[in-house]
Amino acid sequence: MGTCPRCGNKAGFFQTLCEKCQREDERKRQEKTEDERKAEDLKAAQEREAKRNRSMDEAKTRILERLNNGERVFLHDTVYLEVDSYISERQLGEFSFDTVRNMGLAGWDIVGIVPRTMGFELLNRYDDGGTAFAGGLGGNIVGAHVLLKKEIKGPLTQQQISELDEFLFRYIT
């Protein structure tokens, strides 16, 4: 049995370092691995952000070019509204039109509505534990996706450019 070249303690059989120094080396290896992983995660996040920024810049450039050429440009968005639907005397949602009203004041136009429904599945149960679909009840409307459109016209003011940037930030991934 030899001695550890770092600390002078006894090293184990066929070992060059003592147990304490071996544990310290392992801890440093794990730290290094953790630091490398964090660095890789940070680099990947920076690359994703750079790609997103490039996509946003490209989309904004295309939009501004279209506007400068006198072409029409539309933004589209959706807002989900709950409706005050009831099932078995239980209210499923609380209706409020405030969001859509405010968007209308900002120039958004309702172009469609897609209802969201909720139904219940009926099953036949058998003695052996099996089940089979027997039908369904429902189609109760519990909400609606309101489809909105807003035309933007050039030349854009600084306020409109800021709104466009916010819109692109939300929807360009």
N, C-alpha and C. Protein backbone atom coordinates (compact mmCIF):
# COMPACT_ATOMS: atom_id res chain seq x y z
N MET A 1 0.85 -1.16 0.00
CA MET A 1 0.00 0.00 0.00
C MET A 1 0.90 1.23 0.00
N GLY A 2 0.60 2.15 -0.99
CA GLY A 2 1.43 3.34 -1.11
C GLY A 2 0.80 4.53 -0.41
N THR A 3 1.42 5.66 -0.59
CA THR A 3 0.87 6.88 0.00
C THR A 3 0.33 7.78 -1.11
N CYS A 4 -0.62 8.57 -0.74
CA CYS A 4 -1.27 9.50 -1.67
C CYS A 4 -0.28 10.63 -1.98
N PRO A 5 -0.01 10.89 -3.26
CA PRO A 5 0.96 11.94 -3.60
C PRO A 5 0.47 13.35 -3.25
N ARG A 6 -0.84 13.54 -3.03
CA ARG A 6 -1.37 14.87 -2.70
C ARG A 6 -1.28 15.19 -1.23
N CYS A 7 -1.79 14.24 -0.41
CA CYS A 7 -1.92 14.56 1.00
C CYS A 7 -1.00 13.73 1.91
N GLY A 8 -0.41 12.68 1.37
CA GLY A 8 0.49 11.84 2.17
C GLY A 8 -0.21 10.76 2.96
N ASN A 9 -1.55 10.70 2.93
CA ASN A 9 -2.27 9.63 3.61
C ASN A 9 -2.08 8.32 2.86
N LYS A 10 -2.48 7.23 3.51
CA LYS A 10 -2.34 5.92 2.88
C LYS A 10 -3.33 5.78 1.73
N ALA A 11 -2.84 5.31 0.62
CA ALA A 11 -3.69 5.01 -0.53
C ALA A 11 -4.10 3.55 -0.42
N GLY A 12 -5.23 3.18 -0.98
CA GLY A 12 -5.69 1.81 -0.92
C GLY A 12 -4.83 0.91 -1.79
N PHE A 13 -5.10 -0.41 -1.71
CA PHE A 13 -4.37 -1.37 -2.54
C PHE A 13 -4.62 -1.04 -4.00
N PHE A 14 -3.56 -1.05 -4.76
CA PHE A 14 -3.59 -0.77 -6.20
C PHE A 14 -4.21 0.60 -6.51
N GLN A 15 -4.14 1.53 -5.58
CA GLN A 15 -4.66 2.89 -5.76
C GLN A 15 -3.50 3.87 -5.67
N THR A 16 -3.61 4.97 -6.41
CA THR A 16 -2.58 6.00 -6.30
C THR A 16 -3.00 7.11 -5.35
N LEU A 17 -4.32 7.29 -5.15
CA LEU A 17 -4.83 8.32 -4.26
C LEU A 17 -5.58 7.71 -3.09
N CYS A 18 -5.63 8.45 -1.98
CA CYS A 18 -6.42 8.00 -0.84
C CYS A 18 -7.91 8.19 -1.14
N GLU A 19 -8.78 7.61 -0.32
CA GLU A 19 -10.23 7.71 -0.55
C GLU A 19 -10.71 9.16 -0.54
N LYS A 20 -10.19 9.97 0.37
CA LYS A 20 -10.60 11.36 0.48
C LYS A 20 -10.26 12.11 -0.81
N CYS A 21 -9.09 11.94 -1.34
CA CYS A 21 -8.68 12.63 -2.58
C CYS A 21 -9.46 12.08 -3.78
N GLN A 22 -9.75 10.76 -3.77
CA GLN A 22 -10.58 10.19 -4.85
C GLN A 22 -11.98 10.81 -4.84
N ARG A 23 -12.58 10.96 -3.64
CA ARG A 23 -13.90 11.58 -3.54
C ARG A 23 -13.86 13.03 -4.02
N GLU A 24 -12.79 13.74 -3.66
CA GLU A 24 -12.65 15.13 -4.09
C GLU A 24 -12.54 15.22 -5.61
N ASP A 25 -11.79 14.30 -6.23
CA ASP A 25 -11.69 14.27 -7.70
C ASP A 25 -13.04 14.00 -8.34
N GLU A 26 -13.80 13.07 -7.77
CA GLU A 26 -15.11 12.72 -8.30
C GLU A 26 -16.06 13.92 -8.19
N ARG A 27 -16.02 14.61 -7.05
CA ARG A 27 -16.85 15.80 -6.86
C ARG A 27 -16.50 16.87 -7.89
N LYS A 28 -15.22 17.07 -8.14
CA LYS A 28 -14.80 18.06 -9.15
C LYS A 28 -15.25 17.65 -10.55
N ARG A 29 -15.18 16.34 -10.84
CA ARG A 29 -15.65 15.87 -12.15
C ARG A 29 -17.15 16.14 -12.31
N GLN A 30 -17.92 15.87 -11.25
CA GLN A 30 -19.36 16.12 -11.31
C GLN A 30 -19.66 17.61 -11.43
N GLU A 31 -18.92 18.43 -10.70
CA GLU A 31 -19.10 19.88 -10.81
C GLU A 31 -18.81 20.35 -12.23
N LYS A 32 -17.71 19.83 -12.77
CA LYS A 32 -17.33 20.22 -14.13
C LYS A 32 -18.44 19.80 -15.10
N THR A 33 -18.95 18.61 -14.94
CA THR A 33 -20.02 18.12 -15.80
C THR A 33 -21.25 19.00 -15.65
N GLU A 34 -21.58 19.37 -14.41
CA GLU A 34 -22.72 20.25 -14.15
C GLU A 34 -22.50 21.62 -14.80
N ASP A 35 -21.30 22.16 -14.64
CA ASP A 35 -20.99 23.45 -15.25
C ASP A 35 -21.04 23.38 -16.76
N GLU A 36 -20.54 22.29 -17.32
CA GLU A 36 -20.59 22.11 -18.78
C GLU A 36 -22.04 22.03 -19.25
N ARG A 37 -22.88 21.30 -18.50
CA ARG A 37 -24.29 21.19 -18.87
C ARG A 37 -24.98 22.55 -18.81
N LYS A 38 -24.69 23.30 -17.76
CA LYS A 38 -25.28 24.64 -17.63
C LYS A 38 -24.82 25.54 -18.78
N ALA A 39 -23.54 25.43 -19.14
CA ALA A 39 -23.01 26.24 -20.24
C ALA A 39 -23.67 25.85 -21.56
N GLU A 40 -23.87 24.55 -21.78
CA GLU A 40 -24.55 24.08 -22.99
C GLU A 40 -26.00 24.55 -23.03
N ASP A 41 -26.68 24.48 -21.88
CA ASP A 41 -28.07 24.94 -21.81
C ASP A 41 -28.16 26.44 -22.11
N LEU A 42 -27.22 27.20 -21.55
CA LEU A 42 -27.20 28.64 -21.79
C LEU A 42 -26.94 28.94 -23.27
N LYS A 43 -26.00 28.22 -23.85
CA LYS A 43 -25.68 28.42 -25.27
C LYS A 43 -26.88 28.08 -26.14
N ALA A 44 -27.57 26.96 -25.82
CA ALA A 44 -28.75 26.56 -26.60
C ALA A 44 -29.86 27.61 -26.47
N ALA A 45 -30.07 28.14 -25.27
CA ALA A 45 -31.08 29.17 -25.06
C ALA A 45 -30.73 30.44 -25.84
N GLN A 46 -29.46 30.81 -25.86
CA GLN A 46 -29.03 31.98 -26.62
C GLN A 46 -29.23 31.77 -28.11
N GLU A 47 -28.95 30.55 -28.59
CA GLU A 47 -29.15 30.24 -30.01
C GLU A 47 -30.64 30.30 -30.37
N ARG A 48 -31.51 29.76 -29.49
CA ARG A 48 -32.96 29.82 -29.74
C ARG A 48 -33.44 31.26 -29.79
N GLU A 49 -32.94 32.07 -28.87
CA GLU A 49 -33.35 33.48 -28.84
C GLU A 49 -32.85 34.21 -30.08
N ALA A 50 -31.63 33.92 -30.50
CA ALA A 50 -31.10 34.57 -31.71
C ALA A 50 -31.91 34.16 -32.94
N LYS A 51 -32.27 32.87 -33.01
CA LYS A 51 -33.08 32.39 -34.14
C LYS A 51 -34.46 33.07 -34.13
N ARG A 52 -35.05 33.17 -32.95
CA ARG A 52 -36.36 33.82 -32.84
C ARG A 52 -36.27 35.29 -33.25
N ASN A 53 -35.22 35.97 -32.80
CA ASN A 53 -35.04 37.38 -33.17
C ASN A 53 -34.87 37.53 -34.68
N ARG A 54 -34.11 36.61 -35.30
CA ARG A 54 -33.96 36.66 -36.77
C ARG A 54 -35.31 36.46 -37.45
N SER A 55 -36.10 35.50 -36.95
CA SER A 55 -37.42 35.25 -37.53
C SER A 55 -38.32 36.46 -37.37
N MET A 56 -38.28 37.11 -36.21
CA MET A 56 -39.08 38.30 -35.99
C MET A 56 -38.64 39.43 -36.92
N ASP A 57 -37.34 39.61 -37.06
CA ASP A 57 -36.83 40.67 -37.94
C ASP A 57 -37.23 40.40 -39.39
N GLU A 58 -37.14 39.14 -39.82
CA GLU A 58 -37.53 38.79 -41.20
C GLU A 58 -39.02 39.05 -41.42
N ALA A 59 -39.85 38.65 -40.45
CA ALA A 59 -41.30 38.86 -40.57
C ALA A 59 -41.61 40.36 -40.60
N LYS A 60 -40.97 41.12 -39.75
CA LYS A 60 -41.21 42.56 -39.70
C LYS A 60 -40.77 43.21 -41.02
N THR A 61 -39.63 42.78 -41.55
CA THR A 61 -39.15 43.32 -42.83
C THR A 61 -40.15 43.03 -43.94
N ARG A 62 -40.65 41.78 -44.00
CA ARG A 62 -41.65 41.42 -45.03
C ARG A 62 -42.90 42.28 -44.89
N ILE A 63 -43.36 42.47 -43.66
CA ILE A 63 -44.57 43.27 -43.42
C ILE A 63 -44.35 44.71 -43.87
N LEU A 64 -43.23 45.28 -43.47
CA LEU A 64 -42.96 46.68 -43.84
C LEU A 64 -42.81 46.84 -45.36
N GLU A 65 -42.19 45.85 -46.01
CA GLU A 65 -42.07 45.89 -47.47
C GLU A 65 -43.45 45.87 -48.13
N ARG A 66 -44.32 44.98 -47.64
CA ARG A 66 -45.68 44.91 -48.18
C ARG A 66 -46.40 46.24 -48.00
N LEU A 67 -46.28 46.83 -46.82
CA LEU A 67 -46.93 48.11 -46.56
C LEU A 67 -46.37 49.21 -47.46
N ASN A 68 -45.06 49.22 -47.65
CA ASN A 68 -44.43 50.23 -48.52
C ASN A 68 -44.86 50.06 -49.97
N ASN A 69 -45.22 48.82 -50.36
CA ASN A 69 -45.68 48.56 -51.72
C ASN A 69 -47.19 48.78 -51.86
N GLY A 70 -47.84 49.25 -50.81
CA GLY A 70 -49.28 49.52 -50.85
C GLY A 70 -50.14 48.28 -50.70
N GLU A 71 -49.54 47.17 -50.31
CA GLU A 71 -50.30 45.93 -50.14
C GLU A 71 -50.96 45.91 -48.76
N ARG A 72 -52.01 45.10 -48.64
CA ARG A 72 -52.73 44.98 -47.38
C ARG A 72 -52.05 43.94 -46.49
N VAL A 73 -52.05 44.24 -45.19
CA VAL A 73 -51.47 43.33 -44.20
C VAL A 73 -52.48 43.21 -43.06
N PHE A 74 -52.71 41.96 -42.64
CA PHE A 74 -53.65 41.70 -41.55
C PHE A 74 -52.96 40.95 -40.42
N LEU A 75 -53.30 41.30 -39.21
CA LEU A 75 -52.90 40.54 -38.04
C LEU A 75 -54.13 39.73 -37.62
N HIS A 76 -53.89 38.51 -37.16
CA HIS A 76 -54.99 37.65 -36.70
C HIS A 76 -54.69 37.18 -35.29
N ASP A 77 -55.73 37.11 -34.50
CA ASP A 77 -55.57 36.69 -33.11
C ASP A 77 -56.84 35.97 -32.67
N THR A 78 -56.78 35.33 -31.53
CA THR A 78 -57.97 34.70 -30.95
C THR A 78 -58.06 35.08 -29.49
N VAL A 79 -59.27 35.11 -29.01
CA VAL A 79 -59.55 35.32 -27.59
C VAL A 79 -60.55 34.25 -27.20
N TYR A 80 -60.30 33.60 -26.07
CA TYR A 80 -61.24 32.58 -25.59
C TYR A 80 -62.18 33.22 -24.58
N LEU A 81 -63.46 33.02 -24.79
CA LEU A 81 -64.47 33.53 -23.87
C LEU A 81 -65.24 32.37 -23.26
N GLU A 82 -65.37 32.38 -21.95
CA GLU A 82 -66.25 31.43 -21.30
C GLU A 82 -67.68 31.90 -21.49
N VAL A 83 -68.61 30.98 -21.49
CA VAL A 83 -70.02 31.36 -21.51
C VAL A 83 -70.63 30.88 -20.20
N ASP A 84 -71.73 31.51 -19.81
CA ASP A 84 -72.35 31.11 -18.55
C ASP A 84 -73.31 29.96 -18.79
N SER A 85 -72.70 28.82 -19.16
CA SER A 85 -73.43 27.58 -19.43
C SER A 85 -73.61 26.81 -18.11
N TYR A 86 -74.71 26.09 -18.02
CA TYR A 86 -75.00 25.30 -16.83
C TYR A 86 -75.16 23.84 -17.19
N ILE A 87 -74.65 22.96 -16.33
CA ILE A 87 -74.91 21.53 -16.44
C ILE A 87 -75.33 21.07 -15.04
N SER A 88 -76.51 20.50 -14.96
CA SER A 88 -77.05 20.02 -13.68
C SER A 88 -76.95 21.10 -12.60
N GLU A 89 -77.41 22.29 -12.93
CA GLU A 89 -77.45 23.42 -12.01
C GLU A 89 -76.06 23.91 -11.58
N ARG A 90 -75.01 23.44 -12.25
CA ARG A 90 -73.64 23.87 -11.94
C ARG A 90 -73.18 24.79 -13.06
N GLN A 91 -72.81 26.02 -12.70
CA GLN A 91 -72.35 26.98 -13.71
C GLN A 91 -70.93 26.63 -14.12
N LEU A 92 -70.69 26.57 -15.44
CA LEU A 92 -69.38 26.18 -15.95
C LEU A 92 -68.46 27.36 -16.20
N GLY A 93 -68.99 28.53 -16.36
CA GLY A 93 -68.13 29.68 -16.64
C GLY A 93 -68.84 30.98 -16.37
N GLU A 94 -68.10 32.04 -16.46
CA GLU A 94 -68.62 33.39 -16.24
C GLU A 94 -68.35 34.19 -17.50
N PHE A 95 -69.39 34.66 -18.15
CA PHE A 95 -69.24 35.37 -19.41
C PHE A 95 -68.80 36.81 -19.19
N SER A 96 -67.82 37.26 -19.98
CA SER A 96 -67.41 38.66 -19.98
C SER A 96 -66.93 39.00 -21.39
N PHE A 97 -67.44 40.08 -21.93
CA PHE A 97 -67.09 40.51 -23.29
C PHE A 97 -66.06 41.65 -23.28
N ASP A 98 -65.57 42.00 -22.10
CA ASP A 98 -64.68 43.15 -21.95
C ASP A 98 -63.43 43.07 -22.83
N THR A 99 -62.79 41.92 -22.87
CA THR A 99 -61.56 41.78 -23.66
C THR A 99 -61.82 42.06 -25.13
N VAL A 100 -62.88 41.47 -25.67
CA VAL A 100 -63.21 41.68 -27.09
C VAL A 100 -63.61 43.13 -27.33
N ARG A 101 -64.35 43.71 -26.42
CA ARG A 101 -64.76 45.11 -26.56
C ARG A 101 -63.52 46.01 -26.63
N ASN A 102 -62.57 45.78 -25.74
CA ASN A 102 -61.34 46.59 -25.74
C ASN A 102 -60.52 46.37 -27.00
N MET A 103 -60.48 45.14 -27.50
CA MET A 103 -59.75 44.88 -28.74
C MET A 103 -60.44 45.56 -29.92
N GLY A 104 -61.77 45.61 -29.89
CA GLY A 104 -62.51 46.32 -30.94
C GLY A 104 -62.15 47.80 -30.96
N LEU A 105 -62.01 48.38 -29.79
CA LEU A 105 -61.63 49.79 -29.71
C LEU A 105 -60.21 50.02 -30.23
N ALA A 106 -59.39 48.95 -30.21
CA ALA A 106 -58.02 49.04 -30.71
C ALA A 106 -57.93 48.68 -32.19
N GLY A 107 -59.09 48.47 -32.84
CA GLY A 107 -59.08 48.23 -34.28
C GLY A 107 -59.26 46.78 -34.71
N TRP A 108 -59.48 45.87 -33.77
CA TRP A 108 -59.67 44.46 -34.11
C TRP A 108 -61.13 44.23 -34.49
N ASP A 109 -61.33 43.36 -35.49
CA ASP A 109 -62.67 43.03 -35.99
C ASP A 109 -62.93 41.55 -35.77
N ILE A 110 -64.13 41.20 -35.31
CA ILE A 110 -64.50 39.78 -35.15
C ILE A 110 -64.79 39.21 -36.53
N VAL A 111 -64.10 38.12 -36.88
CA VAL A 111 -64.31 37.51 -38.19
C VAL A 111 -64.88 36.10 -38.08
N GLY A 112 -64.96 35.58 -36.88
CA GLY A 112 -65.52 34.25 -36.72
C GLY A 112 -65.54 33.83 -35.26
N ILE A 113 -66.31 32.78 -35.01
CA ILE A 113 -66.40 32.22 -33.66
C ILE A 113 -66.39 30.70 -33.79
N VAL A 114 -65.56 30.07 -32.98
CA VAL A 114 -65.50 28.61 -32.94
C VAL A 114 -65.95 28.18 -31.55
N PRO A 115 -67.11 27.53 -31.45
CA PRO A 115 -67.58 27.15 -30.11
C PRO A 115 -66.76 25.99 -29.54
N ARG A 116 -66.67 25.98 -28.24
CA ARG A 116 -66.05 24.86 -27.52
C ARG A 116 -67.17 24.17 -26.78
N THR A 117 -67.28 22.87 -27.01
CA THR A 117 -68.37 22.12 -26.39
C THR A 117 -67.82 21.08 -25.41
N MET A 118 -68.71 20.61 -24.56
CA MET A 118 -68.37 19.57 -23.61
C MET A 118 -69.48 18.53 -23.65
N GLY A 119 -69.09 17.29 -23.75
CA GLY A 119 -70.06 16.21 -23.76
C GLY A 119 -69.66 15.13 -22.77
N PHE A 120 -70.54 14.18 -22.63
CA PHE A 120 -70.30 13.08 -21.71
C PHE A 120 -70.43 11.76 -22.45
N GLU A 121 -69.50 10.89 -22.21
CA GLU A 121 -69.48 9.58 -22.84
C GLU A 121 -70.33 8.61 -22.00
N LEU A 122 -71.14 7.83 -22.68
CA LEU A 122 -71.92 6.79 -22.00
C LEU A 122 -71.28 5.44 -22.33
N LEU A 123 -71.08 4.63 -21.30
CA LEU A 123 -70.44 3.33 -21.48
C LEU A 123 -71.34 2.22 -20.99
N ASN A 124 -71.29 1.10 -21.68
CA ASN A 124 -71.89 -0.13 -21.18
C ASN A 124 -70.81 -0.86 -20.40
N ARG A 125 -71.14 -1.29 -19.20
CA ARG A 125 -70.18 -2.04 -18.37
C ARG A 125 -70.65 -3.50 -18.30
N TYR A 126 -69.69 -4.38 -18.41
CA TYR A 126 -69.99 -5.81 -18.43
C TYR A 126 -69.48 -6.47 -17.15
N ASP A 127 -70.05 -7.63 -16.83
CA ASP A 127 -69.69 -8.35 -15.61
C ASP A 127 -68.21 -8.71 -15.58
N ASP A 128 -67.62 -8.95 -16.74
CA ASP A 128 -66.21 -9.33 -16.78
C ASP A 128 -65.27 -8.12 -16.63
N GLY A 129 -65.82 -6.93 -16.40
CA GLY A 129 -65.00 -5.73 -16.22
C GLY A 129 -64.81 -4.93 -17.48
N GLY A 130 -65.23 -5.45 -18.61
CA GLY A 130 -65.07 -4.74 -19.87
C GLY A 130 -66.08 -3.63 -20.03
N THR A 131 -65.77 -2.72 -20.94
CA THR A 131 -66.69 -1.62 -21.25
C THR A 131 -66.76 -1.45 -22.75
N ALA A 132 -67.83 -0.85 -23.19
CA ALA A 132 -68.01 -0.54 -24.61
C ALA A 132 -68.73 0.79 -24.73
N PHE A 133 -68.35 1.56 -25.72
CA PHE A 133 -68.98 2.85 -25.97
C PHE A 133 -70.46 2.64 -26.30
N ALA A 134 -71.31 3.40 -25.64
CA ALA A 134 -72.74 3.25 -25.86
C ALA A 134 -73.37 4.51 -26.45
N GLY A 135 -72.61 5.57 -26.52
CA GLY A 135 -73.15 6.81 -27.07
C GLY A 135 -72.63 7.99 -26.28
N GLY A 136 -73.20 9.12 -26.55
CA GLY A 136 -72.75 10.33 -25.86
C GLY A 136 -73.88 11.31 -25.68
N LEU A 137 -73.72 12.13 -24.69
CA LEU A 137 -74.67 13.20 -24.41
C LEU A 137 -73.90 14.50 -24.44
N GLY A 138 -74.56 15.53 -24.82
CA GLY A 138 -73.90 16.81 -24.65
C GLY A 138 -73.85 17.65 -25.88
N GLY A 139 -72.68 18.16 -26.09
CA GLY A 139 -72.52 19.20 -27.06
C GLY A 139 -72.86 20.53 -26.43
N ASN A 140 -72.81 20.57 -25.09
CA ASN A 140 -73.08 21.81 -24.39
C ASN A 140 -71.96 22.80 -24.68
N ILE A 141 -72.33 24.00 -25.07
CA ILE A 141 -71.32 25.02 -25.36
C ILE A 141 -70.84 25.59 -24.04
N VAL A 142 -69.52 25.51 -23.81
CA VAL A 142 -68.94 26.00 -22.57
C VAL A 142 -68.06 27.23 -22.80
N GLY A 143 -67.81 27.55 -24.05
CA GLY A 143 -67.00 28.72 -24.36
C GLY A 143 -66.90 28.88 -25.86
N ALA A 144 -66.16 29.89 -26.26
CA ALA A 144 -65.99 30.14 -27.69
C ALA A 144 -64.65 30.81 -27.93
N HIS A 145 -64.01 30.41 -29.01
CA HIS A 145 -62.80 31.07 -29.48
C HIS A 145 -63.25 32.14 -30.46
N VAL A 146 -63.00 33.39 -30.13
CA VAL A 146 -63.38 34.50 -31.00
C VAL A 146 -62.19 34.80 -31.89
N LEU A 147 -62.40 34.72 -33.22
CA LEU A 147 -61.35 34.95 -34.19
C LEU A 147 -61.37 36.43 -34.58
N LEU A 148 -60.21 37.06 -34.49
CA LEU A 148 -60.11 38.49 -34.70
C LEU A 148 -59.14 38.82 -35.83
N LYS A 149 -59.38 39.95 -36.48
CA LYS A 149 -58.52 40.41 -37.56
C LYS A 149 -58.35 41.91 -37.41
N LYS A 150 -57.13 42.38 -37.72
CA LYS A 150 -56.85 43.80 -37.68
C LYS A 150 -55.99 44.14 -38.89
N GLU A 151 -56.44 45.10 -39.67
CA GLU A 151 -55.64 45.54 -40.81
C GLU A 151 -54.68 46.63 -40.34
N ILE A 152 -53.45 46.50 -40.78
CA ILE A 152 -52.50 47.57 -40.49
C ILE A 152 -52.14 48.24 -41.81
N LYS A 153 -52.05 49.55 -41.75
CA LYS A 153 -51.78 50.34 -42.95
C LYS A 153 -50.56 51.21 -42.70
N GLY A 154 -49.76 51.37 -43.74
CA GLY A 154 -48.55 52.18 -43.61
C GLY A 154 -48.81 53.60 -44.05
N PRO A 155 -47.93 54.49 -43.81
CA PRO A 155 -46.72 54.29 -43.00
C PRO A 155 -47.08 54.16 -41.51
N LEU A 156 -46.30 53.36 -40.79
CA LEU A 156 -46.59 53.09 -39.39
C LEU A 156 -46.00 54.16 -38.48
N THR A 157 -46.76 54.48 -37.45
CA THR A 157 -46.24 55.37 -36.41
C THR A 157 -45.35 54.54 -35.48
N GLN A 158 -44.62 55.22 -34.62
CA GLN A 158 -43.77 54.51 -33.67
C GLN A 158 -44.62 53.64 -32.75
N GLN A 159 -45.80 54.12 -32.37
CA GLN A 159 -46.72 53.33 -31.54
C GLN A 159 -47.15 52.06 -32.27
N GLN A 160 -47.48 52.17 -33.55
CA GLN A 160 -47.89 51.00 -34.33
C GLN A 160 -46.73 50.02 -34.50
N ILE A 161 -45.53 50.52 -34.66
CA ILE A 161 -44.35 49.64 -34.77
C ILE A 161 -44.15 48.89 -33.46
N SER A 162 -44.34 49.57 -32.33
CA SER A 162 -44.22 48.89 -31.03
C SER A 162 -45.28 47.81 -30.88
N GLU A 163 -46.52 48.10 -31.31
CA GLU A 163 -47.59 47.10 -31.25
C GLU A 163 -47.27 45.91 -32.15
N LEU A 164 -46.73 46.19 -33.34
CA LEU A 164 -46.33 45.11 -34.26
C LEU A 164 -45.24 44.27 -33.63
N ASP A 165 -44.25 44.89 -33.00
CA ASP A 165 -43.18 44.15 -32.33
C ASP A 165 -43.74 43.25 -31.23
N GLU A 166 -44.69 43.77 -30.44
CA GLU A 166 -45.31 42.96 -29.38
C GLU A 166 -46.05 41.77 -29.98
N PHE A 167 -46.78 42.02 -31.06
CA PHE A 167 -47.54 40.95 -31.72
C PHE A 167 -46.58 39.87 -32.23
N LEU A 168 -45.52 40.28 -32.93
CA LEU A 168 -44.56 39.31 -33.44
C LEU A 168 -43.87 38.56 -32.32
N PHE A 169 -43.57 39.24 -31.21
CA PHE A 169 -42.93 38.59 -30.08
C PHE A 169 -43.82 37.48 -29.51
N ARG A 170 -45.14 37.72 -29.48
CA ARG A 170 -46.07 36.70 -28.95
C ARG A 170 -46.20 35.49 -29.86
N TYR A 171 -46.13 35.73 -31.18
CA TYR A 171 -46.52 34.66 -32.11
C TYR A 171 -45.38 34.08 -32.94
N ILE A 172 -44.23 34.69 -32.95
CA ILE A 172 -43.09 34.10 -33.68
C ILE A 172 -42.31 33.26 -32.70
N THR A 173 -42.19 31.97 -33.03
CA THR A 173 -41.45 31.06 -32.12
C THR A 173 -40.23 30.52 -32.79
